[in-house]
Amino acid sequence: MSKRSIPKIIHREVVAKSRLLRIESLDLQFSNGVERKYERMQGSGRGAVMIVPFIDADTLVLVREYAAGLHSYQLGFPKGLIDPGESPEQAANRELREEIGYGAKRLHTLYDVTSAPQFFNASMRLYVGTDLYPEKLPGDEPEPLELVHWPVDDVEGLLAQPDFNEARSVAALLLMLRQRELFHP
């Protein structure tokens, strides 16, 4: 941890707002006296979850879904926002049931990550889901998600997929490999 003092906010102003995000302009003064203007996106602040689910000891389940930011279909792990009143574990199990039609008897915390923290306050807890059982909940996706089963022993093949490139999914995959023996001895 740095021992530096965080910059002082001299002025804060909302410059744009949507139903999902708020963009703020910040006038900051750093501890050395330098002043700068920054902009940052403020999300819901609820946090999000992503789950690397194992349908069995050797097979991962991924989803291919539309990504508006890239205007393409992307392959990745089930994910979503934490709803008000939910714990991260409850949100992870709900997202699994909505997106792949399975719940997890066991959720193993991998890591907490942020995305673009220089200008965005998004945080996500990464999990591995094991001991899956069939249970479907209706989701909020506009079309059915494509489920993709992938052998965990073909990580290089997954990383070679042109539509598997979201940083959080790649990080979750690599962190899962690093800790795999903890949940599949």
Protein backbone atom coordinates (compact mmCIF):
# COMPACT_ATOMS: atom_id res chain seq x y z
CA MET A 1 0.00 0.00 0.00
CA SER A 2 1.17 3.47 -0.80
CA LYS A 3 1.68 5.92 2.06
CA ARG A 4 0.77 8.84 -0.21
CA SER A 5 -2.25 10.97 0.58
CA ILE A 6 -4.98 10.65 -2.00
CA PRO A 7 -5.67 13.86 -3.94
CA LYS A 8 -8.11 16.36 -2.47
CA ILE A 9 -11.34 16.81 -4.44
CA ILE A 10 -11.73 20.56 -4.94
CA HIS A 11 -14.85 20.37 -7.10
CA ARG A 12 -17.08 17.54 -8.34
CA GLU A 13 -19.77 17.84 -10.99
CA VAL A 14 -21.97 15.30 -12.80
CA VAL A 15 -21.50 15.99 -16.53
CA ALA A 16 -23.56 13.10 -17.96
CA LYS A 17 -25.97 10.50 -16.66
CA SER A 18 -27.67 7.39 -18.03
CA ARG A 19 -29.73 4.67 -16.42
CA LEU A 20 -26.51 2.66 -15.81
CA LEU A 21 -23.70 5.20 -15.41
CA ARG A 22 -22.91 8.65 -14.15
CA ILE A 23 -19.90 10.61 -15.45
CA GLU A 24 -18.29 13.03 -13.03
CA SER A 25 -15.76 15.77 -13.64
CA LEU A 26 -13.31 16.14 -10.76
CA ASP A 27 -10.98 19.02 -9.99
CA LEU A 28 -8.20 17.51 -7.89
CA GLN A 29 -5.25 18.83 -5.96
CA PHE A 30 -2.37 16.42 -5.36
CA SER A 31 -0.23 16.46 -2.23
CA ASN A 32 2.55 18.29 -4.14
CA GLY A 33 0.13 21.13 -5.00
CA VAL A 34 -0.43 20.18 -8.66
CA GLU A 35 -4.06 20.55 -9.76
CA ARG A 36 -5.66 18.48 -12.52
CA LYS A 37 -9.10 17.77 -13.94
CA TYR A 38 -10.17 14.12 -14.19
CA GLU A 39 -13.33 12.42 -15.38
CA ARG A 40 -14.63 9.19 -13.97
CA MET A 41 -17.57 6.90 -14.55
CA GLN A 42 -19.56 5.89 -11.52
CA GLY A 43 -21.49 2.65 -11.85
CA SER A 44 -24.17 1.35 -9.53
CA GLY A 45 -21.60 0.61 -6.82
CA ARG A 46 -23.25 -2.76 -6.22
CA GLY A 47 -20.36 -4.80 -7.57
CA ALA A 48 -20.51 -7.78 -9.87
CA VAL A 49 -19.57 -11.45 -9.98
CA MET A 50 -18.10 -13.82 -12.55
CA ILE A 51 -18.06 -17.59 -12.19
CA VAL A 52 -15.83 -20.22 -13.80
CA PRO A 53 -18.24 -23.18 -13.65
CA PHE A 54 -17.15 -26.83 -13.89
CA ILE A 55 -19.92 -29.09 -15.21
CA ASP A 56 -17.59 -31.95 -14.24
CA ALA A 57 -13.95 -32.15 -13.11
CA ASP A 58 -12.69 -31.75 -16.68
CA THR A 59 -15.20 -29.41 -18.39
CA LEU A 60 -15.88 -25.69 -18.11
CA VAL A 61 -19.12 -24.00 -19.15
CA LEU A 62 -18.91 -20.67 -20.97
CA VAL A 63 -21.54 -18.46 -22.57
CA ARG A 64 -21.48 -16.62 -25.86
CA GLU A 65 -23.54 -13.46 -25.68
CA TYR A 66 -23.92 -10.12 -27.39
CA ALA A 67 -21.52 -7.41 -26.17
CA ALA A 68 -22.85 -3.96 -27.09
CA GLY A 69 -19.49 -2.24 -26.50
CA LEU A 70 -17.88 -4.27 -29.28
CA HIS A 71 -21.11 -4.88 -31.23
CA SER A 72 -20.25 -8.56 -31.52
CA TYR A 73 -20.81 -11.86 -29.78
CA GLN A 74 -18.21 -12.68 -27.13
CA LEU A 75 -17.30 -15.89 -25.35
CA GLY A 76 -16.81 -15.67 -21.60
CA PHE A 77 -17.84 -16.91 -18.22
CA PRO A 78 -21.26 -16.28 -16.63
CA LYS A 79 -21.38 -12.90 -14.90
CA GLY A 80 -23.67 -10.18 -13.66
CA LEU A 81 -24.39 -7.45 -11.15
CA ILE A 82 -25.06 -8.09 -7.50
CA ASP A 83 -28.70 -7.23 -6.83
CA PRO A 84 -29.64 -5.07 -3.81
CA GLY A 85 -29.79 -7.24 -0.69
CA GLU A 86 -27.77 -10.09 -2.23
CA SER A 87 -24.42 -11.33 -1.06
CA PRO A 88 -21.81 -11.93 -3.77
CA GLU A 89 -22.28 -15.70 -3.32
CA GLN A 90 -26.05 -15.41 -3.76
CA ALA A 91 -25.53 -13.31 -6.90
CA ALA A 92 -23.06 -15.86 -8.29
CA ASN A 93 -25.50 -18.71 -7.82
CA ARG A 94 -28.36 -16.69 -9.29
CA GLU A 95 -26.30 -15.76 -12.35
CA LEU A 96 -25.35 -19.41 -12.89
CA ARG A 97 -28.99 -20.49 -12.74
CA GLU A 98 -30.06 -17.69 -15.09
CA GLU A 99 -27.26 -18.05 -17.64
CA ILE A 100 -26.38 -21.75 -17.76
CA GLY A 101 -29.30 -23.46 -15.98
CA TYR A 102 -27.23 -24.80 -13.07
CA GLY A 103 -26.58 -23.79 -9.49
CA ALA A 104 -23.35 -24.54 -7.63
CA LYS A 105 -23.20 -26.41 -4.34
CA ARG A 106 -19.70 -25.01 -3.87
CA LEU A 107 -18.34 -21.57 -4.77
CA HIS A 108 -14.62 -20.95 -4.35
CA THR A 109 -13.50 -17.31 -4.25
CA LEU A 110 -10.65 -16.67 -6.68
CA TYR A 111 -9.97 -12.95 -6.52
CA ASP A 112 -11.49 -9.48 -6.48
CA VAL A 113 -10.66 -7.46 -9.60
CA THR A 114 -11.33 -3.96 -10.88
CA SER A 115 -11.75 -2.80 -14.46
CA ALA A 116 -10.09 0.40 -15.68
CA PRO A 117 -9.76 1.86 -12.15
CA GLN A 118 -8.20 5.06 -13.48
CA PHE A 119 -11.64 6.16 -14.64
CA PHE A 120 -14.22 3.57 -13.55
CA ASN A 121 -15.31 2.28 -10.12
CA ALA A 122 -16.30 -1.24 -11.24
CA SER A 123 -15.35 -4.18 -9.04
CA MET A 124 -15.97 -7.86 -9.60
CA ARG A 125 -15.54 -10.95 -7.44
CA LEU A 126 -14.32 -14.00 -9.36
CA TYR A 127 -15.46 -17.49 -8.34
CA VAL A 128 -15.09 -21.10 -9.37
CA GLY A 129 -18.35 -23.04 -9.21
CA THR A 130 -18.27 -26.81 -8.63
CA ASP A 131 -20.74 -29.56 -7.79
CA LEU A 132 -23.27 -28.11 -10.21
CA TYR A 133 -26.91 -29.19 -10.11
CA PRO A 134 -29.62 -28.44 -12.70
CA GLU A 135 -31.80 -25.47 -11.79
CA LYS A 136 -32.97 -22.82 -14.24
CA LEU A 137 -34.09 -19.28 -13.45
CA PRO A 138 -35.38 -16.82 -16.05
CA GLY A 139 -32.68 -14.31 -16.98
CA ASP A 140 -32.76 -10.79 -18.32
CA GLU A 141 -30.99 -11.48 -21.61
CA PRO A 142 -32.93 -10.53 -24.75
CA GLU A 143 -32.12 -13.87 -26.44
CA PRO A 144 -31.00 -17.32 -25.27
CA LEU A 145 -27.30 -17.49 -24.49
CA GLU A 146 -25.18 -20.01 -26.39
CA LEU A 147 -23.64 -22.46 -23.92
CA VAL A 148 -20.14 -23.71 -24.76
CA HIS A 149 -18.59 -26.66 -22.94
CA TRP A 150 -14.79 -26.52 -23.02
CA PRO A 151 -12.24 -29.08 -21.79
CA VAL A 152 -10.13 -27.52 -19.04
CA ASP A 153 -7.07 -29.28 -20.47
CA ASP A 154 -7.39 -27.20 -23.68
CA VAL A 155 -6.76 -23.77 -22.17
CA GLU A 156 -4.45 -22.84 -25.05
CA GLY A 157 -7.29 -23.58 -27.49
CA LEU A 158 -9.66 -21.39 -25.49
CA LEU A 159 -7.14 -18.55 -25.37
CA ALA A 160 -6.76 -18.87 -29.16
CA GLN A 161 -10.49 -18.23 -29.72
CA PRO A 162 -10.85 -14.76 -31.26
CA ASP A 163 -14.05 -14.07 -29.28
CA PHE A 164 -12.55 -15.08 -25.91
CA ASN A 165 -10.70 -11.88 -25.11
CA GLU A 166 -12.47 -10.09 -22.28
CA ALA A 167 -9.79 -9.34 -19.68
CA ARG A 168 -11.92 -10.45 -16.71
CA SER A 169 -12.66 -13.85 -18.29
CA VAL A 170 -9.01 -14.35 -19.22
CA ALA A 171 -7.94 -13.39 -15.68
CA ALA A 172 -10.52 -15.75 -14.14
CA LEU A 173 -9.34 -18.61 -16.36
CA LEU A 174 -5.68 -18.12 -15.48
CA LEU A 175 -6.40 -17.65 -11.76
CA MET A 176 -8.52 -20.81 -11.81
CA LEU A 177 -5.62 -22.76 -13.33
CA ARG A 178 -3.26 -21.46 -10.69
CA GLN A 179 -5.57 -22.66 -7.89
CA ARG A 180 -7.20 -25.65 -9.58
CA GLU A 181 -5.87 -28.19 -7.06
CA LEU A 182 -7.81 -26.43 -4.29
CA PHE A 183 -11.18 -27.40 -5.71
CA HIS A 184 -10.28 -30.43 -7.89
CA PRO A 185 -7.54 -32.36 -6.05
